[in-house]
């Protein structure tokens, strides 16, 4: 397997004050907001493959991830092997089996994704149903409607008219992953095998968490057709309920933000604009 090469200057994983783990080899440097290292080391006398995450982003909350995984006690969540808060917050988690759906389906010309999407949606509904009392999710810009001038600058005034004219329904609160999308979900042998990155998790709005999972990212070749979205939502509905109107509005809000920082992705911008017209119709 080819591992990602070092692509920027990072914190030194060898200098961390590990308590239960001894680093022996760095294998790769996955792209992420924080400094992340795929590595091997010794834990309780055994060699293990792990990921080390070191806080880099402003507002990074690795302690929340550690506490959430412990409270969740879910087989799909990675096991925390070590963690610390000084001199910089870090966490060591056991590597989970599987690969991302993007690697499995490739260009998705045959709609191979359809075989995975029902379980994908069902698993998110099961996560939302966990009776876990956690602090509120951290406030993010994606939760808030930008000012009218933002939409005027992007020629998206129809989106502002639609969203500003809606009377928000009472938000359904539940335990939310906070960053549930394909890059944080692994698959093995045709089934979902792991859910990663609980840093943004907490009590939050169900429809926003669902919209975040459905929102198309640049280069993504699945979940970009109505049939695929419907299959995902069928899976979700098998174990949970949601407000379709609220989901559409949250998707429009997320896409309006994505549109603002995707200026060098013309194909993606066209996809997002089409989606916004459908969501705001």
Protein backbone atom coordinates (compact mmCIF):
# COMPACT_ATOMS: atom_id res chain seq x y z
CA UNK A 1 0.00 0.00 0.00
CA UNK A 2 1.23 3.49 -0.89
CA UNK A 3 1.05 5.95 2.00
CA UNK A 4 0.73 9.72 1.63
CA UNK A 5 4.07 11.51 1.64
CA UNK A 6 4.84 14.49 3.84
CA UNK A 7 3.15 17.51 2.26
CA UNK A 8 3.73 20.29 4.81
CA UNK A 9 5.70 21.05 7.95
CA UNK A 10 4.09 19.40 10.97
CA UNK A 11 4.49 18.98 14.68
CA UNK A 12 6.98 16.25 15.65
CA UNK A 13 5.15 13.01 16.56
CA UNK A 14 8.35 11.61 18.09
CA UNK A 15 8.41 14.37 20.71
CA UNK A 16 4.96 13.70 22.20
CA UNK A 17 4.78 12.60 25.87
CA UNK A 18 3.15 9.22 25.26
CA UNK A 19 2.06 7.32 28.35
CA UNK A 20 0.83 3.98 26.98
CA UNK A 21 2.34 3.92 23.50
CA UNK A 22 5.82 3.89 21.94
CA UNK A 23 6.15 5.16 18.36
CA UNK A 24 8.40 3.02 16.16
CA UNK A 25 7.64 4.06 12.56
CA UNK A 26 5.77 6.79 10.68
CA UNK A 27 4.15 5.34 7.58
CA UNK A 28 2.35 8.30 6.01
CA UNK A 29 0.96 11.80 6.34
CA UNK A 30 -2.77 11.87 5.49
CA UNK A 31 -4.21 15.20 4.37
CA UNK A 32 -6.23 16.75 7.19
CA UNK A 33 -6.81 20.02 8.98
CA UNK A 34 -4.85 18.84 12.02
CA UNK A 35 -1.47 17.10 11.77
CA UNK A 36 -2.25 13.41 11.21
CA UNK A 37 0.26 10.55 10.96
CA UNK A 38 -0.30 6.95 9.98
CA UNK A 39 2.19 4.98 12.03
CA UNK A 40 3.19 1.83 13.88
CA UNK A 41 4.23 1.41 17.47
CA UNK A 42 4.07 -0.67 20.61
CA UNK A 43 1.03 -0.68 22.86
CA UNK A 44 0.91 -3.03 25.84
CA UNK A 45 3.81 -4.99 24.37
CA UNK A 46 2.17 -5.55 20.99
CA UNK A 47 2.86 -3.91 17.64
CA UNK A 48 -0.14 -1.95 16.43
CA UNK A 49 -0.94 0.24 13.44
CA UNK A 50 -2.35 3.55 14.58
CA UNK A 51 -3.16 7.13 13.66
CA UNK A 52 -1.75 10.06 15.62
CA UNK A 53 -3.67 13.32 15.51
CA UNK A 54 -2.01 16.49 16.80
CA UNK A 55 -4.05 19.67 17.19
CA UNK A 56 -3.17 22.25 14.57
CA UNK A 57 -6.41 24.05 13.73
CA UNK A 58 -7.75 26.86 15.85
CA UNK A 59 -10.61 25.44 17.89
CA UNK A 60 -9.40 21.83 17.58
CA UNK A 61 -10.93 19.79 20.39
CA UNK A 62 -9.23 16.41 20.56
CA UNK A 63 -10.32 15.91 24.16
CA UNK A 64 -13.92 15.97 22.96
CA UNK A 65 -13.11 13.18 20.49
CA UNK A 66 -11.43 11.10 23.21
CA UNK A 67 -14.32 11.55 25.65
CA UNK A 68 -16.98 10.91 23.00
CA UNK A 69 -15.41 7.66 21.78
CA UNK A 70 -15.15 6.43 25.37
CA UNK A 71 -18.77 7.33 26.14
CA UNK A 72 -20.07 5.99 22.84
CA UNK A 73 -18.40 2.58 23.22
CA UNK A 74 -19.38 1.67 19.66
CA UNK A 75 -17.60 -1.04 17.64
CA UNK A 76 -17.45 1.21 14.56
CA UNK A 77 -15.53 3.92 16.43
CA UNK A 78 -11.73 3.62 16.68
CA UNK A 79 -10.22 2.68 20.02
CA UNK A 80 -8.24 5.45 21.76
CA UNK A 81 -4.87 4.01 22.84
CA UNK A 82 -3.25 7.16 24.22
CA UNK A 83 -3.84 10.90 24.48
CA UNK A 84 -2.54 14.03 26.13
CA UNK A 85 -3.05 17.78 26.33
CA UNK A 86 0.47 19.17 26.74
CA UNK A 87 2.54 20.59 25.21
CA UNK A 88 -0.10 20.26 22.49
CA UNK A 89 -3.31 18.18 22.45
CA UNK A 90 -2.90 14.82 20.72
CA UNK A 91 -4.68 11.47 20.42
CA UNK A 92 -3.55 8.01 19.30
CA UNK A 93 -6.24 5.73 17.86
CA UNK A 94 -6.04 2.20 16.55
CA UNK A 95 -6.20 1.96 12.75
CA UNK A 96 -9.54 0.60 11.56
CA UNK A 97 -10.04 -1.79 8.61
CA UNK A 98 -11.47 -0.64 5.29
CA UNK A 99 -11.23 2.10 2.70
CA UNK A 100 -13.25 5.11 1.66
CA UNK A 101 -16.19 4.72 -0.70
CA UNK A 102 -14.48 7.09 -3.14
CA UNK A 103 -11.67 4.52 -3.59
CA UNK A 104 -14.11 1.61 -3.90
CA UNK A 105 -16.45 3.03 -6.58
CA UNK A 106 -13.88 5.12 -8.51
CA UNK A 107 -15.61 7.10 -11.23
CA UNK A 108 -18.88 5.31 -10.34
CA UNK A 109 -19.90 4.96 -13.99
CA UNK A 110 -21.90 1.82 -13.20
CA UNK A 111 -23.49 3.37 -10.07
CA UNK A 112 -21.71 0.84 -7.87
CA UNK A 113 -22.42 3.21 -4.99
CA UNK A 114 -26.07 2.14 -4.90
CA UNK A 115 -25.07 -1.09 -3.15
CA UNK A 116 -23.68 0.88 -0.19
CA UNK A 117 -25.97 3.85 0.29
CA UNK A 118 -28.83 2.21 2.20
CA UNK A 119 -26.45 0.97 4.90
CA UNK A 120 -24.68 4.33 4.83
CA UNK A 121 -27.90 6.18 5.68
CA UNK A 122 -29.10 3.54 8.13
CA UNK A 123 -25.85 3.75 10.11
CA UNK A 124 -26.17 7.52 10.51
CA UNK A 125 -29.73 7.08 11.81
CA UNK A 126 -28.48 4.47 14.30
CA UNK A 127 -25.82 6.90 15.48
CA UNK A 128 -28.44 9.63 15.92
CA UNK A 129 -30.51 7.24 18.03
CA UNK A 130 -27.73 6.61 20.57
CA UNK A 131 -28.93 8.05 23.94
CA UNK A 132 -25.67 9.87 24.59
CA UNK A 133 -25.72 13.09 26.62
CA UNK A 134 -22.85 15.20 25.27
CA UNK A 135 -22.16 18.95 25.30
CA UNK A 136 -23.52 20.96 22.36
CA UNK A 137 -21.60 20.79 19.11
CA UNK A 138 -19.19 23.67 18.62
CA UNK A 139 -20.71 26.61 16.77
CA UNK A 140 -19.62 26.80 13.13
CA UNK A 141 -20.12 29.33 10.38
CA UNK A 142 -22.06 26.72 8.39
CA UNK A 143 -24.89 26.98 10.92
CA UNK A 144 -25.58 30.63 10.11
CA UNK A 145 -27.10 32.46 7.15
CA UNK A 146 -24.59 34.91 5.62
CA UNK A 147 -25.65 38.49 4.93
CA UNK A 148 -27.42 39.42 1.73
CA UNK A 149 -24.25 41.02 0.29
CA UNK A 150 -22.53 37.60 0.42
CA UNK A 151 -25.18 36.10 -1.86
CA UNK A 152 -25.16 39.15 -4.16
CA UNK A 153 -21.40 38.80 -4.66
CA UNK A 154 -21.86 35.15 -5.69
CA UNK A 155 -24.97 35.77 -7.81
CA UNK A 156 -27.00 33.60 -5.42
CA UNK A 157 -29.63 36.10 -4.33
CA UNK A 158 -32.36 33.52 -4.99
CA UNK A 159 -30.87 31.39 -2.22
CA UNK A 160 -30.93 34.27 0.27
CA UNK A 161 -34.54 35.09 -0.64
CA UNK A 162 -35.54 31.49 -0.04
CA UNK A 163 -33.66 30.91 3.21
CA UNK A 164 -34.42 34.33 4.72
CA UNK A 165 -38.10 33.79 4.00
CA UNK A 166 -38.34 30.46 5.79
CA UNK A 167 -39.77 30.14 9.27
CA UNK A 168 -37.38 27.67 10.90
CA UNK A 169 -39.06 24.62 12.42
CA UNK A 170 -37.97 23.64 15.94
CA UNK A 171 -34.69 21.79 15.53
CA UNK A 172 -34.70 18.10 16.47
CA UNK A 173 -31.72 17.58 18.79
CA UNK A 174 -29.77 14.34 19.13
CA UNK A 175 -26.24 13.05 19.37
CA UNK A 176 -24.49 14.15 16.15
CA UNK A 177 -21.21 13.07 14.63
CA UNK A 178 -20.53 16.59 13.38
CA UNK A 179 -18.45 15.58 10.36
CA UNK A 180 -20.16 12.49 8.92
CA UNK A 181 -19.14 12.37 5.27
CA UNK A 182 -17.41 9.87 3.03
CA UNK A 183 -13.84 10.78 4.04
CA UNK A 184 -14.61 9.77 7.64
CA UNK A 185 -16.39 6.50 6.82
CA UNK A 186 -14.62 3.23 5.91
CA UNK A 187 -15.94 0.12 4.19
CA UNK A 188 -14.74 -3.49 4.13
CA UNK A 189 -16.29 -6.54 2.44
CA UNK A 190 -19.27 -4.51 1.26
CA UNK A 191 -20.21 -3.16 4.69
CA UNK A 192 -19.47 -0.09 6.74
CA UNK A 193 -16.47 -0.95 8.93
CA UNK A 194 -15.51 2.27 10.72
CA UNK A 195 -16.56 5.82 11.51
CA UNK A 196 -13.66 8.21 12.14
CA UNK A 197 -13.06 11.72 13.48
CA UNK A 198 -15.46 12.47 16.34
CA UNK A 199 -13.77 15.78 17.11
CA UNK A 200 -16.84 17.87 16.18
CA UNK A 201 -19.38 15.52 17.77
CA UNK A 202 -21.92 16.51 20.40
CA UNK A 203 -25.59 17.27 20.87
CA UNK A 204 -26.77 19.04 17.75
CA UNK A 205 -29.36 19.36 15.03
CA UNK A 206 -30.28 16.10 13.34
CA UNK A 207 -31.12 17.62 9.92
CA UNK A 208 -27.84 19.53 9.76
CA UNK A 209 -25.84 16.39 10.49
CA UNK A 210 -27.82 14.58 7.81
CA UNK A 211 -27.34 17.42 5.31
CA UNK A 212 -23.60 17.46 5.99
CA UNK A 213 -23.46 13.77 5.06
CA UNK A 214 -25.37 14.33 1.82
CA UNK A 215 -23.57 17.48 0.62
CA UNK A 216 -21.43 16.83 -2.46
CA UNK A 217 -17.70 17.62 -2.19
CA UNK A 218 -15.37 18.55 -5.08
CA UNK A 219 -14.34 15.48 -7.05
CA UNK A 220 -16.97 13.26 -5.42
CA UNK A 221 -18.47 10.83 -7.94
CA UNK A 222 -21.28 9.40 -5.85
CA UNK A 223 -24.28 10.79 -4.00
CA UNK A 224 -24.59 13.20 -6.91
CA UNK A 225 -27.87 11.89 -8.33
CA UNK A 226 -31.40 11.99 -6.96
CA UNK A 227 -31.58 8.17 -7.06
CA UNK A 228 -28.51 7.85 -4.83
CA UNK A 229 -29.74 10.46 -2.38
CA UNK A 230 -33.10 8.73 -2.21
CA UNK A 231 -31.41 5.38 -1.50
CA UNK A 232 -29.40 6.97 1.34
CA UNK A 233 -32.55 8.53 2.80
CA UNK A 234 -34.42 5.23 2.53
CA UNK A 235 -31.73 3.69 4.70
CA UNK A 236 -31.94 6.56 7.17
CA UNK A 237 -35.75 6.32 7.33
CA UNK A 238 -35.53 2.62 8.17
CA UNK A 239 -34.13 3.54 11.60
CA UNK A 240 -34.98 7.20 12.09
CA UNK A 241 -37.10 10.13 10.96
CA UNK A 242 -36.27 13.60 9.69
CA UNK A 243 -37.97 16.77 8.46
CA UNK A 244 -37.56 16.90 4.64
CA UNK A 245 -38.11 20.67 4.43
CA UNK A 246 -35.55 21.32 7.16
CA UNK A 247 -33.10 18.97 5.45
CA UNK A 248 -33.45 20.86 2.14
CA UNK A 249 -32.86 24.20 3.85
CA UNK A 250 -29.80 22.95 5.72
CA UNK A 251 -28.39 21.57 2.47
CA UNK A 252 -28.96 24.93 0.76
CA UNK A 253 -27.22 26.71 3.63
CA UNK A 254 -24.22 24.36 3.48
CA UNK A 255 -23.97 24.59 -0.31
CA UNK A 256 -24.09 28.38 -0.22
CA UNK A 257 -20.97 28.28 1.98
CA UNK A 258 -19.25 25.62 -0.15
CA UNK A 259 -19.92 27.75 -3.24
CA UNK A 260 -18.07 30.66 -1.66
CA UNK A 261 -14.72 28.89 -1.37
CA UNK A 262 -14.76 26.66 -4.48
CA UNK A 263 -13.88 29.30 -7.08
CA UNK A 264 -11.21 27.16 -8.76
CA UNK A 265 -13.59 24.21 -9.30
CA UNK A 266 -15.86 25.24 -12.23
CA UNK A 267 -17.45 21.80 -12.66
CA UNK A 268 -18.20 21.58 -8.96
CA UNK A 269 -19.61 25.14 -8.91
CA UNK A 270 -22.00 24.19 -11.71
CA UNK A 271 -23.14 21.12 -9.76
CA UNK A 272 -23.70 23.18 -6.61
CA UNK A 273 -25.62 25.88 -8.47
CA UNK A 274 -27.93 23.24 -9.98
CA UNK A 275 -28.48 21.73 -6.55
CA UNK A 276 -29.25 25.15 -5.05
CA UNK A 277 -31.87 25.85 -7.74
CA UNK A 278 -33.53 22.51 -6.98
CA UNK A 279 -33.38 23.00 -3.19
CA UNK A 280 -34.79 26.54 -3.37
CA UNK A 281 -37.47 25.85 -5.97
